[in-house]
Amino acid sequence: MKRIFKTLLILPFIINAKNSNNKVVLSEHLESLLPYIGKTYKGEFLNSTKNDPVYDVANWERALNGNAIRILHSVNNGEYGGETIIMWNPEKNSLMSWYFTTGGFLTNALVTIKGTKITSIEDVTGNDNGITKVKSIIELGRNGGLENRFKYLMNNIWVDGHKILYKEDSNATVIFN
C-alpha cells in the first residue's frame, strides 16, 4: 500500500515533467529559458586571480510542475550561496524572482526575458554605499556558456559591478556549508 501511495505522489511530477515528444515542459512565460534547464554552469569572476580564485557554480532546473525555474548557486564551495525562484506573478502581470541567501537575507525582483537574455532589477534598502537597486543581466552565449553582469544604482547612476563568465560543467556541484 505504501508503494502505491508513493507512486501516486510521484506520478504527477513524472507526467508534467515532459510532454509526449519527451521535451521538458515549462509555463508559456518561461519557455524561452528552456536552453538553461537541467544544466550546471561554473563561472569565474573577472576579478578572480590565480592566488585568490573566485568562482560560482549554478544549477538550473524546472520547478513546480514547470511553473517556475529554480537556480541554486554557491561561491567558492559554499562560502556564499543562494536559491532563486523565477515565476509568473499574475497580480503584477510580470515575471518575478525571489532570491534566498546563505547570508540570511532575501530579495525579490522584476524579471524580463528577451530571447535568451534575462534581466532582473531588485530593490535594495539599507546599503552603506548608497546602492538602491541591483540589475543582473544573464545572457546565454552562442558557445553554450553564460555571462552574468551586475550593475548597481548609486546616486541615480547605474555603475558597473562584477561580471562572471560561465561554462557548462556537468561535474560541478553546488555546495552549501
Protein backbone atom coordinates (compact mmCIF):
# COMPACT_ATOMS: atom_id res chain seq x y z
CA MET A 1 0.00 0.00 0.00
CA LYS A 2 2.84 2.41 0.87
CA ARG A 3 4.41 1.76 -2.53
CA ILE A 4 1.16 2.58 -4.35
CA PHE A 5 0.78 5.78 -2.31
CA LYS A 6 4.37 6.85 -3.15
CA THR A 7 3.74 6.14 -6.83
CA LEU A 8 0.58 8.24 -6.77
CA LEU A 9 2.50 11.12 -5.17
CA ILE A 10 5.34 10.97 -7.70
CA LEU A 11 3.24 10.31 -10.80
CA PRO A 12 2.10 13.93 -11.40
CA PHE A 13 5.73 15.08 -11.42
CA ILE A 14 6.67 12.47 -14.00
CA ILE A 15 3.66 13.22 -16.21
CA ASN A 16 4.13 17.01 -16.02
CA ALA A 17 7.89 16.98 -16.50
CA LYS A 18 7.86 16.13 -20.21
CA ASN A 19 5.32 16.14 -22.98
CA SER A 20 4.59 13.28 -25.38
CA ASN A 21 7.63 14.28 -27.50
CA ASN A 22 9.82 13.80 -24.41
CA LYS A 23 10.55 17.54 -24.17
CA VAL A 24 10.69 19.45 -20.90
CA VAL A 25 7.53 21.49 -20.38
CA LEU A 26 7.58 24.99 -18.88
CA SER A 27 4.86 27.59 -18.49
CA GLU A 28 4.47 29.82 -21.53
CA HIS A 29 6.09 32.67 -19.59
CA LEU A 30 9.28 30.66 -19.06
CA GLU A 31 9.59 28.75 -22.34
CA SER A 32 12.45 30.88 -23.68
CA LEU A 33 14.58 29.66 -20.75
CA LEU A 34 14.50 26.02 -21.87
CA PRO A 35 18.16 26.15 -23.02
CA TYR A 36 19.24 26.63 -19.37
CA ILE A 37 17.17 23.85 -17.80
CA GLY A 38 18.95 20.76 -16.50
CA LYS A 39 22.38 22.35 -16.80
CA THR A 40 25.09 23.23 -14.32
CA TYR A 41 27.47 26.08 -15.06
CA LYS A 42 30.77 27.01 -13.43
CA GLY A 43 31.91 30.59 -13.77
CA GLU A 44 34.90 32.60 -12.79
CA PHE A 45 34.57 36.18 -11.58
CA LEU A 46 36.52 38.51 -13.85
CA ASN A 47 38.37 39.98 -10.86
CA SER A 48 39.47 36.49 -9.81
CA THR A 49 43.22 35.87 -9.61
CA LYS A 50 45.41 32.79 -9.51
CA ASN A 51 46.24 33.47 -5.86
CA ASP A 52 42.67 34.37 -4.92
CA PRO A 53 40.29 32.47 -7.23
CA VAL A 54 36.60 33.29 -7.03
CA TYR A 55 34.11 31.13 -8.87
CA ASP A 56 30.41 30.39 -8.84
CA VAL A 57 28.55 27.18 -9.64
CA ALA A 58 24.92 27.50 -10.73
CA ASN A 59 22.40 24.74 -11.41
CA TRP A 60 19.21 25.49 -13.37
CA GLU A 61 16.17 23.25 -13.01
CA ARG A 62 12.47 23.10 -13.70
CA ALA A 63 10.34 23.53 -10.59
CA LEU A 64 6.70 23.47 -9.50
CA ASN A 65 5.44 21.43 -12.46
CA GLY A 66 7.04 23.81 -14.93
CA ASN A 67 5.52 26.94 -13.42
CA ALA A 68 8.87 28.05 -12.04
CA ILE A 69 12.59 27.82 -12.55
CA ARG A 70 14.89 27.14 -9.62
CA ILE A 71 18.52 28.22 -9.68
CA LEU A 72 20.84 27.07 -6.93
CA HIS A 73 24.30 28.62 -6.74
CA SER A 74 27.34 28.62 -4.50
CA VAL A 75 30.51 30.71 -4.50
CA ASN A 76 33.84 29.02 -3.67
CA ASN A 77 32.42 25.73 -2.40
CA GLY A 78 29.84 27.24 -0.11
CA GLU A 79 31.44 30.44 1.18
CA TYR A 80 28.23 32.08 -0.01
CA GLY A 81 25.24 30.83 -1.93
CA GLY A 82 21.59 31.11 -2.64
CA GLU A 83 18.45 29.87 -4.29
CA THR A 84 16.41 31.79 -6.84
CA ILE A 85 12.86 31.01 -7.90
CA ILE A 86 11.59 32.68 -11.10
CA MET A 87 7.84 32.54 -11.58
CA TRP A 88 4.97 34.40 -13.26
CA ASN A 89 3.16 36.78 -10.90
CA PRO A 90 -0.38 37.34 -12.24
CA GLU A 91 -1.00 40.26 -9.85
CA LYS A 92 1.93 42.18 -11.37
CA ASN A 93 1.41 40.69 -14.85
CA SER A 94 5.14 40.02 -14.89
CA LEU A 95 7.82 37.51 -14.06
CA MET A 96 9.28 37.88 -10.59
CA SER A 97 12.19 36.30 -8.80
CA TRP A 98 12.75 35.55 -5.14
CA TYR A 99 16.35 35.09 -4.00
CA PHE A 100 17.14 33.43 -0.67
CA THR A 101 20.74 33.55 0.55
CA THR A 102 23.08 31.83 2.96
CA GLY A 103 23.77 35.35 4.22
CA GLY A 104 20.33 35.25 5.84
CA PHE A 105 18.50 37.74 3.64
CA LEU A 106 16.14 37.57 0.71
CA THR A 107 15.27 39.84 -2.19
CA ASN A 108 12.67 39.92 -4.90
CA ALA A 109 12.99 41.38 -8.35
CA LEU A 110 11.09 42.18 -11.51
CA VAL A 111 12.35 39.90 -14.30
CA THR A 112 12.19 40.40 -18.07
CA ILE A 113 13.19 37.87 -20.70
CA LYS A 114 14.04 38.70 -24.31
CA GLY A 115 15.24 35.66 -26.21
CA THR A 116 17.96 34.12 -24.05
CA LYS A 117 18.68 37.34 -22.15
CA ILE A 118 17.31 37.60 -18.60
CA THR A 119 17.30 40.93 -16.81
CA SER A 120 16.27 41.35 -13.20
CA ILE A 121 16.11 44.53 -11.16
CA GLU A 122 15.82 44.30 -7.40
CA ASP A 123 15.32 46.98 -4.80
CA VAL A 124 17.98 47.36 -2.11
CA THR A 125 17.46 49.03 1.24
CA GLY A 126 19.95 49.99 3.94
CA ASN A 127 23.10 49.77 1.82
CA ASP A 128 26.00 51.81 3.25
CA ASN A 129 27.35 52.57 -0.24
CA GLY A 130 24.16 54.24 -1.44
CA ILE A 131 23.11 51.33 -3.67
CA THR A 132 19.33 51.41 -4.13
CA LYS A 133 18.91 48.83 -6.93
CA VAL A 134 20.85 45.90 -8.39
CA LYS A 135 20.47 44.87 -12.03
CA SER A 136 21.56 41.41 -13.14
CA ILE A 137 21.86 40.65 -16.86
CA ILE A 138 22.31 36.98 -17.79
CA GLU A 139 22.92 36.02 -21.41
CA LEU A 140 23.27 32.60 -22.97
CA GLY A 141 26.20 32.73 -25.38
CA ARG A 142 26.44 31.06 -28.76
CA ASN A 143 29.05 28.68 -27.34
CA GLY A 144 26.55 27.49 -24.69
CA GLY A 145 28.21 29.45 -21.89
CA LEU A 146 26.65 32.16 -19.76
CA GLU A 147 27.64 35.70 -18.97
CA ASN A 148 26.27 37.38 -15.85
CA ARG A 149 26.82 41.12 -15.44
CA PHE A 150 25.79 43.18 -12.44
CA LYS A 151 25.09 46.89 -12.26
CA TYR A 152 24.36 48.98 -9.18
CA LEU A 153 22.18 52.07 -9.00
CA MET A 154 24.11 54.54 -6.84
CA ASN A 155 23.00 58.17 -6.54
CA ASN A 156 20.67 57.61 -9.53
CA ILE A 157 23.54 56.42 -11.79
CA TRP A 158 24.00 52.82 -12.98
CA VAL A 159 27.56 51.70 -12.14
CA ASP A 160 29.19 48.52 -13.49
CA GLY A 161 29.61 45.80 -10.89
CA HIS A 162 31.14 42.37 -11.15
CA LYS A 163 30.97 40.06 -14.13
CA ILE A 164 31.06 36.26 -14.25
CA LEU A 165 31.76 34.12 -17.33
CA TYR A 166 30.36 30.59 -17.08
CA LYS A 167 30.90 27.38 -18.99
CA GLU A 168 28.64 24.39 -18.78
CA ASP A 169 30.20 21.89 -16.39
CA SER A 170 28.21 18.73 -15.62
CA ASN A 171 30.82 17.75 -12.98
CA ALA A 172 30.46 20.97 -10.96
CA THR A 173 28.38 20.83 -7.80
CA VAL A 174 26.51 23.48 -5.85
CA ILE A 175 27.73 23.24 -2.25
CA PHE A 176 26.19 24.69 0.90
CA ASN A 177 28.10 24.52 4.19
